[in-house]
Amino acid sequence: GETELFASVDNPGIRTIYAAGTAGDWAFRT
């Protein structure tokens, strides 16, 4: 949910999200 929220915001005060997904049992975001 945090990843989805961050990715939906375009604000210089919030880090830009480049990608997200899963790798095995892990979830990740860049």
Full PDB file with SEQRES, HELIX, SHEET, SSBOND, CRYST1, ORIGX, SCALE, CONECT and MASTER records, all heavy atoms in Angstrom:
SEQRES   1 A   30  GLY GLU THR GLU LEU PHE ALA SER VAL ASP ASN PRO GLY          
SEQRES   2 A   30  ILE ARG THR ILE TYR ALA ALA GLY THR ALA GLY ASP TRP          
SEQRES   3 A   30  ALA PHE ARG THR                                              
HELIX    1 AA1 GLU A    2  SER A    8  1                                   7    
SHEET    1 AA1 2 ALA A  20  ALA A  23  0                                        
SHEET    2 AA1 2 TRP A  26  ARG A  29 -1                                        
CRYST1    1.000    1.000    1.000  90.00  90.00  90.00 P 1           1          
ORIGX1      1.000000  0.000000  0.000000        0.00000                         
ORIGX2      0.000000  1.000000  0.000000        0.00000                         
ORIGX3      0.000000  0.000000  1.000000        0.00000                         
SCALE1      1.000000  0.000000  0.000000        0.00000                         
SCALE2      0.000000  1.000000  0.000000        0.00000                         
SCALE3      0.000000  0.000000  1.000000        0.00000                         
ATOM      1  N   GLY A   1       0.814  -1.209   0.000  1.00  0.00           N  
ATOM      2  CA  GLY A   1       0.000   0.000   0.000  1.00  0.00           C  
ATOM      3  C   GLY A   1       0.847   1.258   0.000  1.00  0.00           C  
ATOM      4  O   GLY A   1       0.539   2.237  -0.692  1.00  0.00           O  
ATOM      5  N   GLU A   2       1.913   1.225   0.782  1.00  0.00           N  
ATOM      6  CA  GLU A   2       2.850   2.349   0.849  1.00  0.00           C  
ATOM      7  C   GLU A   2       3.482   2.589  -0.522  1.00  0.00           C  
ATOM      8  O   GLU A   2       3.592   3.731  -0.984  1.00  0.00           O  
ATOM      9  CB  GLU A   2       3.905   1.983   1.892  1.00  0.00           C  
ATOM     10  CG  GLU A   2       4.940   2.990   2.228  1.00  0.00           C  
ATOM     11  CD  GLU A   2       5.877   2.436   3.297  1.00  0.00           C  
ATOM     12  OE1 GLU A   2       6.666   1.502   3.009  1.00  0.00           O  
ATOM     13  OE2 GLU A   2       5.810   2.940   4.424  1.00  0.00           O  
ATOM     14  N   THR A   3       3.875   1.507  -1.178  1.00  0.00           N  
ATOM     15  CA  THR A   3       4.486   1.602  -2.507  1.00  0.00           C  
ATOM     16  C   THR A   3       3.516   2.217  -3.501  1.00  0.00           C  
ATOM     17  O   THR A   3       3.875   3.116  -4.268  1.00  0.00           O  
ATOM     18  CB  THR A   3       4.935   0.208  -2.979  1.00  0.00           C  
ATOM     19  OG1 THR A   3       5.914  -0.296  -2.066  1.00  0.00           O  
ATOM     20  CG2 THR A   3       5.540   0.257  -4.375  1.00  0.00           C  
ATOM     21  N   GLU A   4       2.286   1.751  -3.489  1.00  0.00           N  
ATOM     22  CA  GLU A   4       1.267   2.279  -4.394  1.00  0.00           C  
ATOM     23  C   GLU A   4       1.021   3.771  -4.136  1.00  0.00           C  
ATOM     24  O   GLU A   4       0.923   4.574  -5.074  1.00  0.00           O  
ATOM     25  CB  GLU A   4      -0.028   1.493  -4.224  1.00  0.00           C  
ATOM     26  CG  GLU A   4      -1.111   1.891  -5.186  1.00  0.00           C  
ATOM     27  CD  GLU A   4      -2.367   1.062  -5.016  1.00  0.00           C  
ATOM     28  OE1 GLU A   4      -2.318  -0.026  -4.424  1.00  0.00           O  
ATOM     29  OE2 GLU A   4      -3.423   1.543  -5.491  1.00  0.00           O  
ATOM     30  N   LEU A   5       0.946   4.138  -2.871  1.00  0.00           N  
ATOM     31  CA  LEU A   5       0.725   5.542  -2.519  1.00  0.00           C  
ATOM     32  C   LEU A   5       1.891   6.417  -2.972  1.00  0.00           C  
ATOM     33  O   LEU A   5       1.687   7.458  -3.616  1.00  0.00           O  
ATOM     34  CB  LEU A   5       0.516   5.688  -1.010  1.00  0.00           C  
ATOM     35  CG  LEU A   5       0.334   7.122  -0.509  1.00  0.00           C  
ATOM     36  CD1 LEU A   5      -0.936   7.734  -1.082  1.00  0.00           C  
ATOM     37  CD2 LEU A   5       0.309   7.150   1.004  1.00  0.00           C  
ATOM     38  N   PHE A   6       3.129   6.007  -2.659  1.00  0.00           N  
ATOM     39  CA  PHE A   6       4.299   6.791  -3.060  1.00  0.00           C  
ATOM     40  C   PHE A   6       4.360   6.949  -4.580  1.00  0.00           C  
ATOM     41  O   PHE A   6       4.708   8.002  -5.088  1.00  0.00           O  
ATOM     42  CB  PHE A   6       5.594   6.160  -2.566  1.00  0.00           C  
ATOM     43  CG  PHE A   6       5.821   6.252  -1.089  1.00  0.00           C  
ATOM     44  CD1 PHE A   6       6.671   5.360  -0.457  1.00  0.00           C  
ATOM     45  CD2 PHE A   6       5.200   7.210  -0.317  1.00  0.00           C  
ATOM     46  CE1 PHE A   6       6.899   5.426   0.911  1.00  0.00           C  
ATOM     47  CE2 PHE A   6       5.413   7.297   1.057  1.00  0.00           C  
ATOM     48  CZ  PHE A   6       6.273   6.397   1.658  1.00  0.00           C  
ATOM     49  N   ALA A   7       4.028   5.892  -5.300  1.00  0.00           N  
ATOM     50  CA  ALA A   7       4.103   5.930  -6.763  1.00  0.00           C  
ATOM     51  C   ALA A   7       3.043   6.850  -7.358  1.00  0.00           C  
ATOM     52  O   ALA A   7       3.218   7.361  -8.466  1.00  0.00           O  
ATOM     53  CB  ALA A   7       3.956   4.525  -7.330  1.00  0.00           C  
ATOM     54  N   SER A   8       1.958   7.090  -6.635  1.00  0.00           N  
ATOM     55  CA  SER A   8       0.874   7.916  -7.171  1.00  0.00           C  
ATOM     56  C   SER A   8       1.071   9.408  -6.909  1.00  0.00           C  
ATOM     57  O   SER A   8       0.320  10.226  -7.424  1.00  0.00           O  
ATOM     58  CB  SER A   8      -0.466   7.472  -6.575  1.00  0.00           C  
ATOM     59  OG  SER A   8      -0.556   7.841  -5.211  1.00  0.00           O  
ATOM     60  N   VAL A   9       2.092   9.749  -6.124  1.00  0.00           N  
ATOM     61  CA  VAL A   9       2.317  11.147  -5.744  1.00  0.00           C  
ATOM     62  C   VAL A   9       3.474  11.716  -6.551  1.00  0.00           C  
ATOM     63  O   VAL A   9       4.524  11.111  -6.665  1.00  0.00           O  
ATOM     64  CB  VAL A   9       2.627  11.248  -4.229  1.00  0.00           C  
ATOM     65  CG1 VAL A   9       2.942  12.670  -3.838  1.00  0.00           C  
ATOM     66  CG2 VAL A   9       1.473  10.694  -3.419  1.00  0.00           C  
ATOM     67  N   ASP A  10       3.266  12.878  -7.104  1.00  0.00           N  
ATOM     68  CA  ASP A  10       4.318  13.582  -7.826  1.00  0.00           C  
ATOM     69  C   ASP A  10       4.633  14.852  -7.051  1.00  0.00           C  
ATOM     70  O   ASP A  10       3.992  15.883  -7.224  1.00  0.00           O  
ATOM     71  CB  ASP A  10       3.854  13.912  -9.240  1.00  0.00           C  
ATOM     72  CG  ASP A  10       4.954  14.537 -10.076  1.00  0.00           C  
ATOM     73  OD1 ASP A  10       6.133  14.484  -9.671  1.00  0.00           O  
ATOM     74  OD2 ASP A  10       4.632  15.100 -11.138  1.00  0.00           O  
ATOM     75  N   ASN A  11       5.607  14.734  -6.135  1.00  0.00           N  
ATOM     76  CA  ASN A  11       5.945  15.840  -5.257  1.00  0.00           C  
ATOM     77  C   ASN A  11       7.447  15.783  -4.986  1.00  0.00           C  
ATOM     78  O   ASN A  11       7.976  14.714  -4.682  1.00  0.00           O  
ATOM     79  CB  ASN A  11       5.167  15.696  -3.943  1.00  0.00           C  
ATOM     80  CG  ASN A  11       5.418  16.838  -2.988  1.00  0.00           C  
ATOM     81  OD1 ASN A  11       6.540  17.078  -2.551  1.00  0.00           O  
ATOM     82  ND2 ASN A  11       4.358  17.547  -2.640  1.00  0.00           N  
ATOM     83  N   PRO A  12       8.156  16.901  -5.100  1.00  0.00           N  
ATOM     84  CA  PRO A  12       9.607  16.875  -4.883  1.00  0.00           C  
ATOM     85  C   PRO A  12      10.014  16.480  -3.465  1.00  0.00           C  
ATOM     86  O   PRO A  12      11.152  16.097  -3.227  1.00  0.00           O  
ATOM     87  CB  PRO A  12      10.057  18.295  -5.212  1.00  0.00           C  
ATOM     88  CG  PRO A  12       8.833  19.128  -5.178  1.00  0.00           C  
ATOM     89  CD  PRO A  12       7.670  18.223  -5.450  1.00  0.00           C  
ATOM     90  N   GLY A  13       9.083  16.536  -2.517  1.00  0.00           N  
ATOM     91  CA  GLY A  13       9.389  16.158  -1.144  1.00  0.00           C  
ATOM     92  C   GLY A  13       9.241  14.665  -0.873  1.00  0.00           C  
ATOM     93  O   GLY A  13       9.526  14.202   0.217  1.00  0.00           O  
ATOM     94  N   ILE A  14       8.797  13.913  -1.875  1.00  0.00           N  
ATOM     95  CA  ILE A  14       8.618  12.462  -1.722  1.00  0.00           C  
ATOM     96  C   ILE A  14       9.461  11.767  -2.782  1.00  0.00           C  
ATOM     97  O   ILE A  14       9.455  12.140  -3.960  1.00  0.00           O  
ATOM     98  CB  ILE A  14       7.123  12.081  -1.873  1.00  0.00           C  
ATOM     99  CG1 ILE A  14       6.319  12.766  -0.758  1.00  0.00           C  
ATOM    100  CG2 ILE A  14       6.939  10.569  -1.849  1.00  0.00           C  
ATOM    101  CD1 ILE A  14       4.835  12.565  -0.857  1.00  0.00           C  
ATOM    102  N   ARG A  15      10.186  10.749  -2.362  1.00  0.00           N  
ATOM    103  CA  ARG A  15      11.053  10.026  -3.288  1.00  0.00           C  
ATOM    104  C   ARG A  15      10.270   9.474  -4.467  1.00  0.00           C  
ATOM    105  O   ARG A  15       9.206   8.901  -4.303  1.00  0.00           O  
ATOM    106  CB  ARG A  15      11.701   8.832  -2.605  1.00  0.00           C  
ATOM    107  CG  ARG A  15      12.780   9.160  -1.671  1.00  0.00           C  
ATOM    108  CD  ARG A  15      13.226   7.879  -0.971  1.00  0.00           C  
ATOM    109  NE  ARG A  15      13.713   8.237   0.328  1.00  0.00           N  
ATOM    110  CZ  ARG A  15      15.012   8.391   0.606  1.00  0.00           C  
ATOM    111  NH1 ARG A  15      15.898   8.166  -0.315  1.00  0.00           N  
ATOM    112  NH2 ARG A  15      15.379   8.761   1.800  1.00  0.00           N  
ATOM    113  N   THR A  16      10.860   9.598  -5.631  1.00  0.00           N  
ATOM    114  CA  THR A  16      10.273   9.034  -6.832  1.00  0.00           C  
ATOM    115  C   THR A  16      10.410   7.513  -6.803  1.00  0.00           C  
ATOM    116  O   THR A  16      11.476   6.986  -6.494  1.00  0.00           O  
ATOM    117  CB  THR A  16      10.999   9.587  -8.077  1.00  0.00           C  
ATOM    118  OG1 THR A  16      10.940  11.013  -8.037  1.00  0.00           O  
ATOM    119  CG2 THR A  16      10.394   9.071  -9.357  1.00  0.00           C  
ATOM    120  N   ILE A  17       9.332   6.814  -7.113  1.00  0.00           N  
ATOM    121  CA  ILE A  17       9.359   5.355  -7.220  1.00  0.00           C  
ATOM    122  C   ILE A  17       9.564   5.016  -8.689  1.00  0.00           C  
ATOM    123  O   ILE A  17       8.831   5.503  -9.554  1.00  0.00           O  
ATOM    124  CB  ILE A  17       8.034   4.731  -6.707  1.00  0.00           C  
ATOM    125  CG1 ILE A  17       7.795   5.103  -5.247  1.00  0.00           C  
ATOM    126  CG2 ILE A  17       8.035   3.225  -6.908  1.00  0.00           C  
ATOM    127  CD1 ILE A  17       8.839   4.601  -4.276  1.00  0.00           C  
ATOM    128  N   TYR A  18      10.557   4.167  -8.980  1.00  0.00           N  
ATOM    129  CA  TYR A  18      10.852   3.789 -10.352  1.00  0.00           C  
ATOM    130  C   TYR A  18      10.171   2.484 -10.752  1.00  0.00           C  
ATOM    131  O   TYR A  18       9.725   2.339 -11.876  1.00  0.00           O  
ATOM    132  CB  TYR A  18      12.359   3.644 -10.570  1.00  0.00           C  
ATOM    133  CG  TYR A  18      13.155   4.900 -10.323  1.00  0.00           C  
ATOM    134  CD1 TYR A  18      14.370   4.837  -9.667  1.00  0.00           C  
ATOM    135  CD2 TYR A  18      12.724   6.144 -10.759  1.00  0.00           C  
ATOM    136  CE1 TYR A  18      15.125   5.980  -9.444  1.00  0.00           C  
ATOM    137  CE2 TYR A  18      13.469   7.289 -10.538  1.00  0.00           C  
ATOM    138  CZ  TYR A  18      14.673   7.199  -9.889  1.00  0.00           C  
ATOM    139  OH  TYR A  18      15.417   8.328  -9.669  1.00  0.00           O  
ATOM    140  N   ALA A  19      10.122   1.522  -9.835  1.00  0.00           N  
ATOM    141  CA  ALA A  19       9.559   0.204 -10.162  1.00  0.00           C  
ATOM    142  C   ALA A  19       9.208  -0.522  -8.876  1.00  0.00           C  
ATOM    143  O   ALA A  19       9.696  -0.183  -7.798  1.00  0.00           O  
ATOM    144  CB  ALA A  19      10.566  -0.611 -10.961  1.00  0.00           C  
ATOM    145  N   ALA A  20       8.361  -1.528  -9.001  1.00  0.00           N  
ATOM    146  CA  ALA A  20       7.989  -2.367  -7.861  1.00  0.00           C  
ATOM    147  C   ALA A  20       7.612  -3.743  -8.387  1.00  0.00           C  
ATOM    148  O   ALA A  20       7.287  -3.905  -9.564  1.00  0.00           O  
ATOM    149  CB  ALA A  20       6.828  -1.749  -7.093  1.00  0.00           C  
ATOM    150  N   GLY A  21       7.656  -4.720  -7.496  1.00  0.00           N  
ATOM    151  CA  GLY A  21       7.285  -6.065  -7.904  1.00  0.00           C  
ATOM    152  C   GLY A  21       7.592  -7.070  -6.822  1.00  0.00           C  
ATOM    153  O   GLY A  21       7.769  -6.720  -5.656  1.00  0.00           O  
ATOM    154  N   THR A  22       7.678  -8.326  -7.231  1.00  0.00           N  
ATOM    155  CA  THR A  22       8.052  -9.400  -6.319  1.00  0.00           C  
ATOM    156  C   THR A  22       9.219 -10.170  -6.912  1.00  0.00           C  
ATOM    157  O   THR A  22       9.397 -10.216  -8.134  1.00  0.00           O  
ATOM    158  CB  THR A  22       6.874 -10.368  -6.051  1.00  0.00           C  
ATOM    159  OG1 THR A  22       6.423 -10.902  -7.301  1.00  0.00           O  
ATOM    160  CG2 THR A  22       5.736  -9.669  -5.344  1.00  0.00           C  
ATOM    161  N   ALA A  23       9.980 -10.755  -6.028  1.00  0.00           N  
ATOM    162  CA  ALA A  23      11.107 -11.612  -6.400  1.00  0.00           C  
ATOM    163  C   ALA A  23      11.105 -12.758  -5.396  1.00  0.00           C  
ATOM    164  O   ALA A  23      11.482 -12.557  -4.244  1.00  0.00           O  
ATOM    165  CB  ALA A  23      12.411 -10.839  -6.360  1.00  0.00           C  
ATOM    166  N   GLY A  24      10.616 -13.910  -5.799  1.00  0.00           N  
ATOM    167  CA  GLY A  24      10.463 -15.008  -4.853  1.00  0.00           C  
ATOM    168  C   GLY A  24       9.458 -14.618  -3.791  1.00  0.00           C  
ATOM    169  O   GLY A  24       8.361 -14.155  -4.095  1.00  0.00           O  
ATOM    170  N   ASP A  25       9.834 -14.753  -2.512  1.00  0.00           N  
ATOM    171  CA  ASP A  25       8.968 -14.384  -1.390  1.00  0.00           C  
ATOM    172  C   ASP A  25       9.050 -12.907  -1.030  1.00  0.00           C  
ATOM    173  O   ASP A  25       8.348 -12.452  -0.142  1.00  0.00           O  
ATOM    174  CB  ASP A  25       9.352 -15.198  -0.134  1.00  0.00           C  
ATOM    175  CG  ASP A  25       8.914 -16.637  -0.217  1.00  0.00           C  
ATOM    176  OD1 ASP A  25       8.043 -16.942  -1.069  1.00  0.00           O  
ATOM    177  OD2 ASP A  25       9.420 -17.451   0.558  1.00  0.00           O  
ATOM    178  N   TRP A  26       9.913 -12.173  -1.675  1.00  0.00           N  
ATOM    179  CA  TRP A  26      10.122 -10.783  -1.339  1.00  0.00           C  
ATOM    180  C   TRP A  26       9.262  -9.857  -2.201  1.00  0.00           C  
ATOM    181  O   TRP A  26       9.032 -10.128  -3.376  1.00  0.00           O  
ATOM    182  CB  TRP A  26      11.577 -10.376  -1.567  1.00  0.00           C  
ATOM    183  CG  TRP A  26      12.571 -11.101  -0.739  1.00  0.00           C  
ATOM    184  CD1 TRP A  26      12.381 -11.723   0.468  1.00  0.00           C  
ATOM    185  CD2 TRP A  26      13.951 -11.295  -1.057  1.00  0.00           C  
ATOM    186  NE1 TRP A  26      13.550 -12.260   0.919  1.00  0.00           N  
ATOM    187  CE2 TRP A  26      14.529 -12.024   0.000  1.00  0.00           C  
ATOM    188  CE3 TRP A  26      14.748 -10.926  -2.112  1.00  0.00           C  
ATOM    189  CZ2 TRP A  26      15.866 -12.377   0.019  1.00  0.00           C  
ATOM    190  CZ3 TRP A  26      16.079 -11.277  -2.104  1.00  0.00           C  
ATOM    191  CH2 TRP A  26      16.629 -11.994  -1.033  1.00  0.00           C  
ATOM    192  N   ALA A  27       8.827  -8.751  -1.630  1.00  0.00           N  
ATOM    193  CA  ALA A  27       8.282  -7.636  -2.397  1.00  0.00           C  
ATOM    194  C   ALA A  27       9.393  -6.596  -2.436  1.00  0.00           C  
ATOM    195  O   ALA A  27      10.193  -6.492  -1.505  1.00  0.00           O  
ATOM    196  CB  ALA A  27       7.038  -7.073  -1.722  1.00  0.00           C  
ATOM    197  N   PHE A  28       9.460  -5.844  -3.516  1.00  0.00           N  
ATOM    198  CA  PHE A  28      10.498  -4.823  -3.601  1.00  0.00           C  
ATOM    199  C   PHE A  28       9.960  -3.587  -4.295  1.00  0.00           C  
ATOM    200  O   PHE A  28       8.955  -3.619  -4.987  1.00  0.00           O  
ATOM    201  CB  PHE A  28      11.735  -5.342  -4.344  1.00  0.00           C  
ATOM    202  CG  PHE A  28      11.551  -5.492  -5.827  1.00  0.00           C  
ATOM    203  CD1 PHE A  28      11.866  -4.455  -6.693  1.00  0.00           C  
ATOM    204  CD2 PHE A  28      11.055  -6.666  -6.376  1.00  0.00           C  
ATOM    205  CE1 PHE A  28      11.695  -4.583  -8.063  1.00  0.00           C  
ATOM    206  CE2 PHE A  28      10.877  -6.813  -7.735  1.00  0.00           C  
ATOM    207  CZ  PHE A  28      11.203  -5.767  -8.589  1.00  0.00           C  
ATOM    208  N   ARG A  29      10.668  -2.487  -4.055  1.00  0.00           N  
ATOM    209  CA  ARG A  29      10.444  -1.283  -4.833  1.00  0.00           C  
ATOM    210  C   ARG A  29      11.793  -0.601  -5.008  1.00  0.00           C  
ATOM    211  O   ARG A  29      12.681  -0.706  -4.157  1.00  0.00           O  
ATOM    212  CB  ARG A  29       9.414  -0.361  -4.205  1.00  0.00           C  
ATOM    213  CG  ARG A  29       9.828   0.343  -2.948  1.00  0.00           C  
ATOM    214  CD  ARG A  29       8.753   1.348  -2.500  1.00  0.00           C  
ATOM    215  NE  ARG A  29       9.049   1.890  -1.206  1.00  0.00           N  
ATOM    216  CZ  ARG A  29       8.382   1.612  -0.090  1.00  0.00           C  
ATOM    217  NH1 ARG A  29       7.371   0.765  -0.117  1.00  0.00           N  
ATOM    218  NH2 ARG A  29       8.725   2.167   1.047  1.00  0.00           N  
ATOM    219  N   THR A  30      11.921   0.080  -6.113  1.00  0.00           N  
ATOM    220  CA  THR A  30      13.120   0.873  -6.356  1.00  0.00           C  
ATOM    221  C   THR A  30      12.693   2.327  -6.452  1.00  0.00           C  
ATOM    222  O   THR A  30      11.579   2.639  -6.875  1.00  0.00           O  
ATOM    223  CB  THR A  30      13.852   0.456  -7.640  1.00  0.00           C  
ATOM    224  OG1 THR A  30      13.026   0.712  -8.776  1.00  0.00           O  
ATOM    225  CG2 THR A  30      14.248  -1.010  -7.594  1.00  0.00           C  
TER     226      THR A  30                                                      
MASTER        0    0    0    1    2    0    0    6  225    1    0    3          
END                                                                             
